[in-house]
């Protein structure tokens, strides 16, 4: 299970849920970003990061411990 959370000025702004592969805006201002990112298919990049890149970096990091 993975997720990616973005904050701004100390508050939650938008998050990405890997299970649903959808952006979840924290408020109406983030809704604008959600719409733009969905139009630009940004979710594919987040999905790739959370499924492949992030686990690879974690395995590499754990190897140094």
Protein backbone atom coordinates (compact mmCIF):
# COMPACT_ATOMS: atom_id res chain seq x y z
CA UNK A 1 0.00 0.00 0.00
CA UNK A 2 1.36 3.39 -0.87
CA UNK A 3 0.41 7.00 -0.91
CA UNK A 4 2.03 10.33 -1.61
CA UNK A 5 1.06 13.45 0.30
CA UNK A 6 1.80 17.06 -0.63
CA UNK A 7 1.53 19.94 1.82
CA UNK A 8 1.71 23.68 1.51
CA UNK A 9 2.31 26.25 4.23
CA UNK A 10 2.10 23.59 6.95
CA UNK A 11 -1.22 22.13 5.76
CA UNK A 12 -2.26 19.13 3.72
CA UNK A 13 -2.88 20.08 0.10
CA UNK A 14 -3.35 16.99 -2.05
CA UNK A 15 -2.51 13.31 -1.80
CA UNK A 16 -2.26 10.41 -4.21
CA UNK A 17 -3.76 7.05 -3.25
CA UNK A 18 -2.03 4.16 -4.99
CA UNK A 19 -4.92 1.74 -4.45
CA UNK A 20 -7.37 3.84 -6.43
CA UNK A 21 -4.68 5.64 -8.47
CA UNK A 22 -6.50 8.90 -7.79
CA UNK A 23 -5.65 12.28 -6.36
CA UNK A 24 -7.48 13.35 -3.21
CA UNK A 25 -7.66 17.12 -2.73
CA UNK A 26 -7.69 18.42 0.85
CA UNK A 27 -9.73 21.50 -0.05
CA UNK A 28 -11.30 23.38 -2.94
CA UNK A 29 -8.01 25.07 -3.86
CA UNK A 30 -6.39 21.66 -4.37
CA UNK A 31 -9.29 20.62 -6.60
CA UNK A 32 -7.85 22.84 -9.34
CA UNK A 33 -4.54 20.99 -9.11
CA UNK A 34 -6.32 17.61 -9.11
CA UNK A 35 -8.14 18.45 -12.33
CA UNK A 36 -4.98 19.68 -14.02
CA UNK A 37 -2.92 16.67 -12.93
CA UNK A 38 -5.62 14.24 -14.07
CA UNK A 39 -5.79 15.98 -17.45
CA UNK A 40 -1.99 15.79 -17.78
CA UNK A 41 -1.95 12.13 -16.64
CA UNK A 42 0.42 12.85 -13.76
CA UNK A 43 -0.98 9.81 -11.91
CA UNK A 44 1.10 7.49 -14.11
CA UNK A 45 4.29 9.03 -12.75
CA UNK A 46 3.15 8.75 -9.14
CA UNK A 47 2.07 5.14 -9.71
CA UNK A 48 5.46 4.26 -11.20
CA UNK A 49 7.27 6.00 -8.34
CA UNK A 50 5.27 4.27 -5.61
CA UNK A 51 5.29 0.80 -7.20
CA UNK A 52 8.85 0.70 -8.52
CA UNK A 53 11.22 3.54 -7.65
CA UNK A 54 10.35 3.98 -3.99
CA UNK A 55 10.58 0.25 -3.09
CA UNK A 56 13.88 0.03 -4.97
CA UNK A 57 15.33 2.94 -2.97
CA UNK A 58 14.04 1.43 0.28
CA UNK A 59 15.68 -1.92 -0.49
CA UNK A 60 18.92 -0.12 -1.33
CA UNK A 61 18.76 1.92 1.87
CA UNK A 62 18.05 -1.13 4.01
CA UNK A 63 21.12 -2.79 2.49
CA UNK A 64 23.30 -0.06 4.00
CA UNK A 65 22.03 -0.63 7.52
